[in-house]
All heavy atoms as atom14 arrays in JSON, in Angstrom:
{
  "sequence": "SISYISDSAKIGENVVIQPGVFVGNNVTIGDNSIIHANVAIYDNC",
  "atom14_mask": [
    [1, 1, 1, 1, 1, 1, 0, 0, 0, 0, 0, 0, 0, 0],
    [1, 1, 1, 1, 1, 1, 1, 1, 0, 0, 0, 0, 0, 0],
    [1, 1, 1, 1, 1, 1, 0, 0, 0, 0, 0, 0, 0, 0],
    [1, 1, 1, 1, 1, 1, 1, 1, 1, 1, 1, 1, 0, 0],
    [1, 1, 1, 1, 1, 1, 1, 1, 0, 0, 0, 0, 0, 0],
    [1, 1, 1, 1, 1, 1, 0, 0, 0, 0, 0, 0, 0, 0],
    [1, 1, 1, 1, 1, 1, 1, 1, 0, 0, 0, 0, 0, 0],
    [1, 1, 1, 1, 1, 1, 0, 0, 0, 0, 0, 0, 0, 0],
    [1, 1, 1, 1, 1, 0, 0, 0, 0, 0, 0, 0, 0, 0],
    [1, 1, 1, 1, 1, 1, 1, 1, 1, 0, 0, 0, 0, 0],
    [1, 1, 1, 1, 1, 1, 1, 1, 0, 0, 0, 0, 0, 0],
    [1, 1, 1, 1, 0, 0, 0, 0, 0, 0, 0, 0, 0, 0],
    [1, 1, 1, 1, 1, 1, 1, 1, 1, 0, 0, 0, 0, 0],
    [1, 1, 1, 1, 1, 1, 1, 1, 0, 0, 0, 0, 0, 0],
    [1, 1, 1, 1, 1, 1, 1, 0, 0, 0, 0, 0, 0, 0],
    [1, 1, 1, 1, 1, 1, 1, 0, 0, 0, 0, 0, 0, 0],
    [1, 1, 1, 1, 1, 1, 1, 1, 0, 0, 0, 0, 0, 0],
    [1, 1, 1, 1, 1, 1, 1, 1, 1, 0, 0, 0, 0, 0],
    [1, 1, 1, 1, 1, 1, 1, 0, 0, 0, 0, 0, 0, 0],
    [1, 1, 1, 1, 0, 0, 0, 0, 0, 0, 0, 0, 0, 0],
    [1, 1, 1, 1, 1, 1, 1, 0, 0, 0, 0, 0, 0, 0],
    [1, 1, 1, 1, 1, 1, 1, 1, 1, 1, 1, 0, 0, 0],
    [1, 1, 1, 1, 1, 1, 1, 0, 0, 0, 0, 0, 0, 0],
    [1, 1, 1, 1, 0, 0, 0, 0, 0, 0, 0, 0, 0, 0],
    [1, 1, 1, 1, 1, 1, 1, 1, 0, 0, 0, 0, 0, 0],
    [1, 1, 1, 1, 1, 1, 1, 1, 0, 0, 0, 0, 0, 0],
    [1, 1, 1, 1, 1, 1, 1, 0, 0, 0, 0, 0, 0, 0],
    [1, 1, 1, 1, 1, 1, 1, 0, 0, 0, 0, 0, 0, 0],
    [1, 1, 1, 1, 1, 1, 1, 1, 0, 0, 0, 0, 0, 0],
    [1, 1, 1, 1, 0, 0, 0, 0, 0, 0, 0, 0, 0, 0],
    [1, 1, 1, 1, 1, 1, 1, 1, 0, 0, 0, 0, 0, 0],
    [1, 1, 1, 1, 1, 1, 1, 1, 0, 0, 0, 0, 0, 0],
    [1, 1, 1, 1, 1, 1, 0, 0, 0, 0, 0, 0, 0, 0],
    [1, 1, 1, 1, 1, 1, 1, 1, 0, 0, 0, 0, 0, 0],
    [1, 1, 1, 1, 1, 1, 1, 1, 0, 0, 0, 0, 0, 0],
    [1, 1, 1, 1, 1, 1, 1, 1, 1, 1, 0, 0, 0, 0],
    [1, 1, 1, 1, 1, 0, 0, 0, 0, 0, 0, 0, 0, 0],
    [1, 1, 1, 1, 1, 1, 1, 1, 0, 0, 0, 0, 0, 0],
    [1, 1, 1, 1, 1, 1, 1, 0, 0, 0, 0, 0, 0, 0],
    [1, 1, 1, 1, 1, 0, 0, 0, 0, 0, 0, 0, 0, 0],
    [1, 1, 1, 1, 1, 1, 1, 1, 0, 0, 0, 0, 0, 0],
    [1, 1, 1, 1, 1, 1, 1, 1, 1, 1, 1, 1, 0, 0],
    [1, 1, 1, 1, 1, 1, 1, 1, 0, 0, 0, 0, 0, 0],
    [1, 1, 1, 1, 1, 1, 1, 1, 0, 0, 0, 0, 0, 0],
    [1, 1, 1, 1, 1, 1, 0, 0, 0, 0, 0, 0, 0, 0]
  ],
  "atom14_positions": [
    [[37.68, 94.79, 169.34], [37.97, 94.63, 170.78], [37.24, 93.39, 171.3], [36.2, 92.99, 170.77], [37.52, 95.86, 171.55], [38.3, 96.97, 171.21], [0.0, 0.0, 0.0], [0.0, 0.0, 0.0], [0.0, 0.0, 0.0], [0.0, 0.0, 0.0], [0.0, 0.0, 0.0], [0.0, 0.0, 0.0], [0.0, 0.0, 0.0], [0.0, 0.0, 0.0]],
    [[37.78, 92.83, 172.36], [37.16, 91.66, 172.96], [36.73, 91.91, 174.41], [36.27, 91.02, 175.1], [38.12, 90.42, 172.92], [39.43, 90.74, 173.62], [38.39, 90.02, 171.44], [40.37, 89.55, 173.75], [0.0, 0.0, 0.0], [0.0, 0.0, 0.0], [0.0, 0.0, 0.0], [0.0, 0.0, 0.0], [0.0, 0.0, 0.0], [0.0, 0.0, 0.0]],
    [[36.87, 93.17, 174.85], [36.48, 93.51, 176.21], [36.12, 94.99, 176.26], [36.46, 95.76, 175.37], [37.61, 93.23, 177.21], [38.76, 93.99, 176.89], [0.0, 0.0, 0.0], [0.0, 0.0, 0.0], [0.0, 0.0, 0.0], [0.0, 0.0, 0.0], [0.0, 0.0, 0.0], [0.0, 0.0, 0.0], [0.0, 0.0, 0.0], [0.0, 0.0, 0.0]],
    [[35.42, 95.38, 177.33], [35.03, 96.79, 177.47], [36.26, 97.68, 177.61], [36.31, 98.79, 177.1], [34.13, 96.97, 178.69], [32.67, 96.78, 178.38], [32.0, 95.62, 178.8], [31.94, 97.73, 177.66], [30.68, 95.43, 178.51], [30.62, 97.55, 177.36], [29.96, 96.39, 177.81], [28.65, 96.21, 177.52], [0.0, 0.0, 0.0], [0.0, 0.0, 0.0]],
    [[37.26, 97.21, 178.34], [38.49, 97.98, 178.49], [39.64, 97.14, 177.96], [39.94, 96.07, 178.49], [38.75, 98.36, 179.98], [37.58, 99.23, 180.48], [40.07, 99.11, 180.13], [37.71, 99.63, 181.95], [0.0, 0.0, 0.0], [0.0, 0.0, 0.0], [0.0, 0.0, 0.0], [0.0, 0.0, 0.0], [0.0, 0.0, 0.0], [0.0, 0.0, 0.0]],
    [[40.26, 97.61, 176.88], [41.27, 96.81, 176.22], [42.5, 96.59, 177.11], [42.91, 97.47, 177.87], [41.73, 97.54, 174.96], [42.84, 96.9, 174.36], [0.0, 0.0, 0.0], [0.0, 0.0, 0.0], [0.0, 0.0, 0.0], [0.0, 0.0, 0.0], [0.0, 0.0, 0.0], [0.0, 0.0, 0.0], [0.0, 0.0, 0.0], [0.0, 0.0, 0.0]],
    [[43.09, 95.41, 176.98], [44.3, 95.1, 177.73], [45.47, 96.0, 177.32], [46.42, 96.18, 178.09], [44.69, 93.62, 177.51], [43.72, 92.64, 178.15], [43.0, 93.06, 179.09], [43.7, 91.48, 177.73], [0.0, 0.0, 0.0], [0.0, 0.0, 0.0], [0.0, 0.0, 0.0], [0.0, 0.0, 0.0], [0.0, 0.0, 0.0], [0.0, 0.0, 0.0]],
    [[45.39, 96.55, 176.1], [46.49, 97.38, 175.61], [46.32, 98.84, 176.02], [47.23, 99.66, 175.77], [46.6, 97.28, 174.09], [45.42, 97.76, 173.48], [0.0, 0.0, 0.0], [0.0, 0.0, 0.0], [0.0, 0.0, 0.0], [0.0, 0.0, 0.0], [0.0, 0.0, 0.0], [0.0, 0.0, 0.0], [0.0, 0.0, 0.0], [0.0, 0.0, 0.0]],
    [[45.2, 99.19, 176.65], [44.99, 100.57, 177.11], [45.92, 100.89, 178.25], [46.22, 100.04, 179.09], [43.54, 100.76, 177.52], [0.0, 0.0, 0.0], [0.0, 0.0, 0.0], [0.0, 0.0, 0.0], [0.0, 0.0, 0.0], [0.0, 0.0, 0.0], [0.0, 0.0, 0.0], [0.0, 0.0, 0.0], [0.0, 0.0, 0.0], [0.0, 0.0, 0.0]],
    [[46.38, 102.14, 178.3], [47.28, 102.6, 179.37], [46.53, 103.62, 180.19], [46.25, 104.73, 179.72], [48.57, 103.2, 178.78], [49.4, 102.18, 178.0], [50.64, 102.84, 177.41], [51.45, 101.82, 176.62], [52.66, 102.41, 176.02], [0.0, 0.0, 0.0], [0.0, 0.0, 0.0], [0.0, 0.0, 0.0], [0.0, 0.0, 0.0], [0.0, 0.0, 0.0]],
    [[46.19, 103.25, 181.42], [45.34, 104.07, 182.27], [46.15, 104.53, 183.48], [46.77, 103.72, 184.18], [44.1, 103.28, 182.71], [43.28, 102.89, 181.45], [43.25, 104.11, 183.67], [42.13, 101.99, 181.72], [0.0, 0.0, 0.0], [0.0, 0.0, 0.0], [0.0, 0.0, 0.0], [0.0, 0.0, 0.0], [0.0, 0.0, 0.0], [0.0, 0.0, 0.0]],
    [[46.19, 105.85, 183.71], [47.0, 106.43, 184.76], [46.47, 106.16, 186.16], [45.5, 105.43, 186.35], [0.0, 0.0, 0.0], [0.0, 0.0, 0.0], [0.0, 0.0, 0.0], [0.0, 0.0, 0.0], [0.0, 0.0, 0.0], [0.0, 0.0, 0.0], [0.0, 0.0, 0.0], [0.0, 0.0, 0.0], [0.0, 0.0, 0.0], [0.0, 0.0, 0.0]],
    [[47.07, 106.84, 187.13], [46.69, 106.65, 188.52], [45.46, 107.47, 188.87], [45.23, 108.55, 188.3], [47.85, 107.07, 189.44], [49.1, 106.2, 189.26], [50.24, 106.62, 190.2], [50.05, 107.61, 190.94], [51.29, 105.99, 190.16], [0.0, 0.0, 0.0], [0.0, 0.0, 0.0], [0.0, 0.0, 0.0], [0.0, 0.0, 0.0], [0.0, 0.0, 0.0]],
    [[44.67, 106.92, 189.77], [43.47, 107.61, 190.3], [42.45, 107.94, 189.22], [41.7, 108.92, 189.35], [43.86, 108.89, 191.05], [44.84, 108.65, 192.18], [44.67, 107.71, 192.96], [45.89, 109.45, 192.24], [0.0, 0.0, 0.0], [0.0, 0.0, 0.0], [0.0, 0.0, 0.0], [0.0, 0.0, 0.0], [0.0, 0.0, 0.0], [0.0, 0.0, 0.0]],
    [[42.4, 107.14, 188.18], [41.41, 107.34, 187.13], [40.11, 106.63, 187.54], [40.15, 105.48, 187.98], [41.9, 106.79, 185.78], [40.8, 106.83, 184.74], [43.08, 107.62, 185.3], [0.0, 0.0, 0.0], [0.0, 0.0, 0.0], [0.0, 0.0, 0.0], [0.0, 0.0, 0.0], [0.0, 0.0, 0.0], [0.0, 0.0, 0.0], [0.0, 0.0, 0.0]],
    [[38.99, 107.29, 187.41], [37.67, 106.7, 187.7], [36.99, 106.38, 186.36], [36.8, 107.26, 185.53], [36.79, 107.67, 188.52], [35.4, 107.07, 188.72], [37.46, 107.96, 189.87], [0.0, 0.0, 0.0], [0.0, 0.0, 0.0], [0.0, 0.0, 0.0], [0.0, 0.0, 0.0], [0.0, 0.0, 0.0], [0.0, 0.0, 0.0], [0.0, 0.0, 0.0]],
    [[36.65, 105.13, 186.18], [35.94, 104.68, 184.98], [34.62, 104.05, 185.43], [34.59, 103.02, 186.04], [36.77, 103.67, 184.17], [38.07, 104.33, 183.68], [35.97, 103.14, 183.0], [38.98, 103.43, 182.89], [0.0, 0.0, 0.0], [0.0, 0.0, 0.0], [0.0, 0.0, 0.0], [0.0, 0.0, 0.0], [0.0, 0.0, 0.0], [0.0, 0.0, 0.0]],
    [[33.53, 104.75, 185.12], [32.2, 104.32, 185.55], [31.7, 103.12, 184.71], [32.24, 102.84, 183.63], [31.24, 105.48, 185.43], [31.57, 106.67, 186.35], [31.17, 106.41, 187.79], [31.77, 105.57, 188.47], [30.14, 107.11, 188.24], [0.0, 0.0, 0.0], [0.0, 0.0, 0.0], [0.0, 0.0, 0.0], [0.0, 0.0, 0.0], [0.0, 0.0, 0.0]],
    [[30.68, 102.42, 185.18], [30.16, 101.25, 184.46], [29.7, 101.6, 183.05], [29.19, 102.67, 182.77], [28.96, 100.83, 185.32], [29.27, 101.29, 186.68], [30.01, 102.59, 186.49], [0.0, 0.0, 0.0], [0.0, 0.0, 0.0], [0.0, 0.0, 0.0], [0.0, 0.0, 0.0], [0.0, 0.0, 0.0], [0.0, 0.0, 0.0], [0.0, 0.0, 0.0]],
    [[29.95, 100.66, 182.16], [29.47, 100.79, 180.78], [30.43, 101.53, 179.85], [30.14, 101.69, 178.67], [0.0, 0.0, 0.0], [0.0, 0.0, 0.0], [0.0, 0.0, 0.0], [0.0, 0.0, 0.0], [0.0, 0.0, 0.0], [0.0, 0.0, 0.0], [0.0, 0.0, 0.0], [0.0, 0.0, 0.0], [0.0, 0.0, 0.0], [0.0, 0.0, 0.0]],
    [[31.57, 101.99, 180.36], [32.53, 102.69, 179.52], [33.26, 101.71, 178.62], [33.65, 100.61, 179.04], [33.55, 103.46, 180.39], [34.71, 103.99, 179.56], [32.86, 104.6, 181.12], [0.0, 0.0, 0.0], [0.0, 0.0, 0.0], [0.0, 0.0, 0.0], [0.0, 0.0, 0.0], [0.0, 0.0, 0.0], [0.0, 0.0, 0.0], [0.0, 0.0, 0.0]],
    [[33.47, 102.13, 177.34], [34.31, 101.35, 176.43], [35.61, 102.08, 176.19], [35.62, 103.27, 175.84], [33.6, 101.15, 175.1], [34.49, 100.58, 174.03], [34.83, 99.23, 174.03], [35.02, 101.38, 173.03], [35.68, 98.7, 173.07], [35.84, 100.86, 172.06], [36.18, 99.53, 172.08], [0.0, 0.0, 0.0], [0.0, 0.0, 0.0], [0.0, 0.0, 0.0]],
    [[36.74, 101.38, 176.39], [38.08, 101.93, 176.14], [38.76, 101.02, 175.14], [39.04, 99.85, 175.42], [38.89, 102.02, 177.45], [40.28, 102.58, 177.16], [38.16, 102.9, 178.48], [0.0, 0.0, 0.0], [0.0, 0.0, 0.0], [0.0, 0.0, 0.0], [0.0, 0.0, 0.0], [0.0, 0.0, 0.0], [0.0, 0.0, 0.0], [0.0, 0.0, 0.0]],
    [[39.05, 101.57, 173.95], [39.56, 100.75, 172.86], [41.03, 100.44, 172.95], [41.73, 100.8, 173.9], [0.0, 0.0, 0.0], [0.0, 0.0, 0.0], [0.0, 0.0, 0.0], [0.0, 0.0, 0.0], [0.0, 0.0, 0.0], [0.0, 0.0, 0.0], [0.0, 0.0, 0.0], [0.0, 0.0, 0.0], [0.0, 0.0, 0.0], [0.0, 0.0, 0.0]],
    [[41.53, 99.8, 171.9], [42.91, 99.36, 171.83], [43.87, 100.54, 171.83], [43.63, 101.54, 171.14], [43.15, 98.53, 170.57], [42.27, 97.3, 170.51], [42.23, 96.5, 171.45], [41.55, 97.12, 169.42], [0.0, 0.0, 0.0], [0.0, 0.0, 0.0], [0.0, 0.0, 0.0], [0.0, 0.0, 0.0], [0.0, 0.0, 0.0], [0.0, 0.0, 0.0]],
    [[44.91, 100.45, 172.65], [46.0, 101.42, 172.66], [45.6, 102.81, 173.11], [46.31, 103.78, 172.85], [46.69, 101.51, 171.31], [47.16, 100.15, 170.81], [47.82, 99.42, 171.54], [46.77, 99.79, 169.62], [0.0, 0.0, 0.0], [0.0, 0.0, 0.0], [0.0, 0.0, 0.0], [0.0, 0.0, 0.0], [0.0, 0.0, 0.0], [0.0, 0.0, 0.0]],
    [[44.45, 102.93, 173.76], [44.02, 104.23, 174.31], [44.89, 104.57, 175.51], [45.31, 103.69, 176.28], [42.54, 104.17, 174.72], [42.15, 105.36, 175.6], [41.65, 104.12, 173.49], [0.0, 0.0, 0.0], [0.0, 0.0, 0.0], [0.0, 0.0, 0.0], [0.0, 0.0, 0.0], [0.0, 0.0, 0.0], [0.0, 0.0, 0.0], [0.0, 0.0, 0.0]],
    [[45.18, 105.87, 175.71], [45.86, 106.3, 176.92], [44.94, 107.29, 177.66], [44.3, 108.15, 177.04], [47.21, 106.96, 176.64], [46.99, 108.13, 175.81], [48.14, 106.02, 175.91], [0.0, 0.0, 0.0], [0.0, 0.0, 0.0], [0.0, 0.0, 0.0], [0.0, 0.0, 0.0], [0.0, 0.0, 0.0], [0.0, 0.0, 0.0], [0.0, 0.0, 0.0]],
    [[44.9, 107.16, 179.01], [44.12, 108.05, 179.86], [45.04, 108.51, 180.99], [45.59, 107.7, 181.71], [42.86, 107.37, 180.43], [41.98, 106.87, 179.28], [42.08, 108.36, 181.3], [40.75, 106.08, 179.76], [0.0, 0.0, 0.0], [0.0, 0.0, 0.0], [0.0, 0.0, 0.0], [0.0, 0.0, 0.0], [0.0, 0.0, 0.0], [0.0, 0.0, 0.0]],
    [[45.17, 109.84, 181.14], [46.09, 110.38, 182.15], [45.55, 110.34, 183.56], [44.37, 110.04, 183.8], [0.0, 0.0, 0.0], [0.0, 0.0, 0.0], [0.0, 0.0, 0.0], [0.0, 0.0, 0.0], [0.0, 0.0, 0.0], [0.0, 0.0, 0.0], [0.0, 0.0, 0.0], [0.0, 0.0, 0.0], [0.0, 0.0, 0.0], [0.0, 0.0, 0.0]],
    [[46.4, 110.65, 184.51], [46.08, 110.58, 185.92], [44.88, 111.46, 186.3], [44.66, 112.52, 185.71], [47.28, 111.03, 186.77], [48.49, 110.16, 186.61], [48.35, 109.04, 186.09], [49.6, 110.59, 187.01], [0.0, 0.0, 0.0], [0.0, 0.0, 0.0], [0.0, 0.0, 0.0], [0.0, 0.0, 0.0], [0.0, 0.0, 0.0], [0.0, 0.0, 0.0]],
    [[44.12, 110.96, 187.28], [43.04, 111.74, 187.93], [41.88, 112.12, 187.01], [41.12, 113.05, 187.29], [43.6, 113.06, 188.55], [44.77, 112.78, 189.48], [44.68, 111.92, 190.36], [45.88, 113.49, 189.28], [0.0, 0.0, 0.0], [0.0, 0.0, 0.0], [0.0, 0.0, 0.0], [0.0, 0.0, 0.0], [0.0, 0.0, 0.0], [0.0, 0.0, 0.0]],
    [[41.75, 111.41, 185.91], [40.62, 111.66, 185.01], [39.39, 110.89, 185.44], [39.48, 109.85, 186.09], [40.99, 111.33, 183.56], [41.98, 112.22, 183.08], [0.0, 0.0, 0.0], [0.0, 0.0, 0.0], [0.0, 0.0, 0.0], [0.0, 0.0, 0.0], [0.0, 0.0, 0.0], [0.0, 0.0, 0.0], [0.0, 0.0, 0.0], [0.0, 0.0, 0.0]],
    [[38.21, 111.38, 185.06], [36.95, 110.74, 185.37], [36.19, 110.51, 184.08], [35.9, 111.45, 183.32], [36.09, 111.59, 186.34], [36.84, 111.87, 187.63], [34.76, 110.91, 186.6], [36.1, 112.81, 188.57], [0.0, 0.0, 0.0], [0.0, 0.0, 0.0], [0.0, 0.0, 0.0], [0.0, 0.0, 0.0], [0.0, 0.0, 0.0], [0.0, 0.0, 0.0]],
    [[35.85, 109.24, 183.81], [35.14, 108.89, 182.59], [33.79, 108.32, 183.04], [33.71, 107.25, 183.65], [35.91, 107.84, 181.76], [37.41, 108.21, 181.63], [35.25, 107.67, 180.4], [37.66, 109.49, 180.93], [0.0, 0.0, 0.0], [0.0, 0.0, 0.0], [0.0, 0.0, 0.0], [0.0, 0.0, 0.0], [0.0, 0.0, 0.0], [0.0, 0.0, 0.0]],
    [[32.71, 109.05, 182.74], [31.39, 108.67, 183.23], [30.73, 107.6, 182.38], [31.24, 107.23, 181.31], [30.51, 109.92, 183.34], [30.85, 110.79, 184.5], [30.42, 110.51, 185.8], [31.62, 111.91, 184.61], [30.88, 111.45, 186.62], [31.63, 112.3, 185.93], [0.0, 0.0, 0.0], [0.0, 0.0, 0.0], [0.0, 0.0, 0.0], [0.0, 0.0, 0.0]],
    [[29.6, 107.1, 182.84], [28.95, 105.92, 182.28], [28.72, 106.02, 180.78], [28.3, 107.06, 180.26], [27.64, 105.66, 182.98], [0.0, 0.0, 0.0], [0.0, 0.0, 0.0], [0.0, 0.0, 0.0], [0.0, 0.0, 0.0], [0.0, 0.0, 0.0], [0.0, 0.0, 0.0], [0.0, 0.0, 0.0], [0.0, 0.0, 0.0], [0.0, 0.0, 0.0]],
    [[28.99, 104.9, 180.1], [28.66, 104.72, 178.67], [29.43, 105.61, 177.71], [29.04, 105.75, 176.55], [27.14, 104.9, 178.46], [26.32, 103.95, 179.3], [26.67, 102.78, 179.43], [25.24, 104.42, 179.87], [0.0, 0.0, 0.0], [0.0, 0.0, 0.0], [0.0, 0.0, 0.0], [0.0, 0.0, 0.0], [0.0, 0.0, 0.0], [0.0, 0.0, 0.0]],
    [[30.51, 106.19, 178.15], [31.42, 106.89, 177.25], [32.14, 105.83, 176.39], [32.49, 104.75, 176.87], [32.46, 107.73, 178.03], [33.6, 108.21, 177.11], [31.77, 108.93, 178.68], [0.0, 0.0, 0.0], [0.0, 0.0, 0.0], [0.0, 0.0, 0.0], [0.0, 0.0, 0.0], [0.0, 0.0, 0.0], [0.0, 0.0, 0.0], [0.0, 0.0, 0.0]],
    [[32.36, 106.14, 175.11], [33.12, 105.26, 174.22], [34.36, 106.0, 173.72], [34.24, 107.1, 173.17], [32.27, 104.84, 173.03], [0.0, 0.0, 0.0], [0.0, 0.0, 0.0], [0.0, 0.0, 0.0], [0.0, 0.0, 0.0], [0.0, 0.0, 0.0], [0.0, 0.0, 0.0], [0.0, 0.0, 0.0], [0.0, 0.0, 0.0], [0.0, 0.0, 0.0]],
    [[35.52, 105.41, 173.97], [36.78, 105.99, 173.53], [37.41, 105.0, 172.53], [37.85, 103.91, 172.92], [37.74, 106.26, 174.71], [37.06, 107.12, 175.76], [39.01, 106.91, 174.19], [37.87, 107.33, 177.0], [0.0, 0.0, 0.0], [0.0, 0.0, 0.0], [0.0, 0.0, 0.0], [0.0, 0.0, 0.0], [0.0, 0.0, 0.0], [0.0, 0.0, 0.0]],
    [[37.42, 105.36, 171.27], [37.88, 104.46, 170.21], [39.4, 104.28, 170.24], [40.13, 105.02, 170.88], [37.44, 104.96, 168.85], [35.98, 104.83, 168.52], [34.99, 104.84, 169.51], [35.56, 104.71, 167.22], [33.65, 104.73, 169.2], [34.22, 104.6, 166.87], [33.26, 104.61, 167.86], [31.93, 104.5, 167.54], [0.0, 0.0, 0.0], [0.0, 0.0, 0.0]],
    [[39.85, 103.31, 169.44], [41.26, 102.9, 169.42], [42.21, 104.06, 169.23], [41.94, 105.0, 168.45], [41.49, 101.91, 168.27], [40.82, 100.57, 168.47], [40.17, 100.38, 169.52], [40.92, 99.71, 167.55], [0.0, 0.0, 0.0], [0.0, 0.0, 0.0], [0.0, 0.0, 0.0], [0.0, 0.0, 0.0], [0.0, 0.0, 0.0], [0.0, 0.0, 0.0]],
    [[43.34, 104.0, 169.95], [44.49, 104.87, 169.78], [44.29, 106.31, 170.23], [45.22, 107.11, 170.12], [44.95, 104.88, 168.31], [45.23, 103.49, 167.78], [45.97, 102.72, 168.39], [44.61, 103.13, 166.67], [0.0, 0.0, 0.0], [0.0, 0.0, 0.0], [0.0, 0.0, 0.0], [0.0, 0.0, 0.0], [0.0, 0.0, 0.0], [0.0, 0.0, 0.0]],
    [[43.12, 106.65, 170.76], [42.88, 108.02, 171.2], [43.63, 108.32, 172.48], [43.95, 107.42, 173.26], [41.4, 108.29, 171.36], [40.5, 108.32, 169.79], [0.0, 0.0, 0.0], [0.0, 0.0, 0.0], [0.0, 0.0, 0.0], [0.0, 0.0, 0.0], [0.0, 0.0, 0.0], [0.0, 0.0, 0.0], [0.0, 0.0, 0.0], [0.0, 0.0, 0.0]]
  ]
}
């Protein structure tokens, strides 16, 4: 990855992503989810 949140990630509406979170390539996150600080979500999850 070249960024904390990959350009290929698909993030739904009203998602809260706190500072320091890593979201890998091709990750999907559904609506209204909350991802707290320093969580790491690897590719394709």
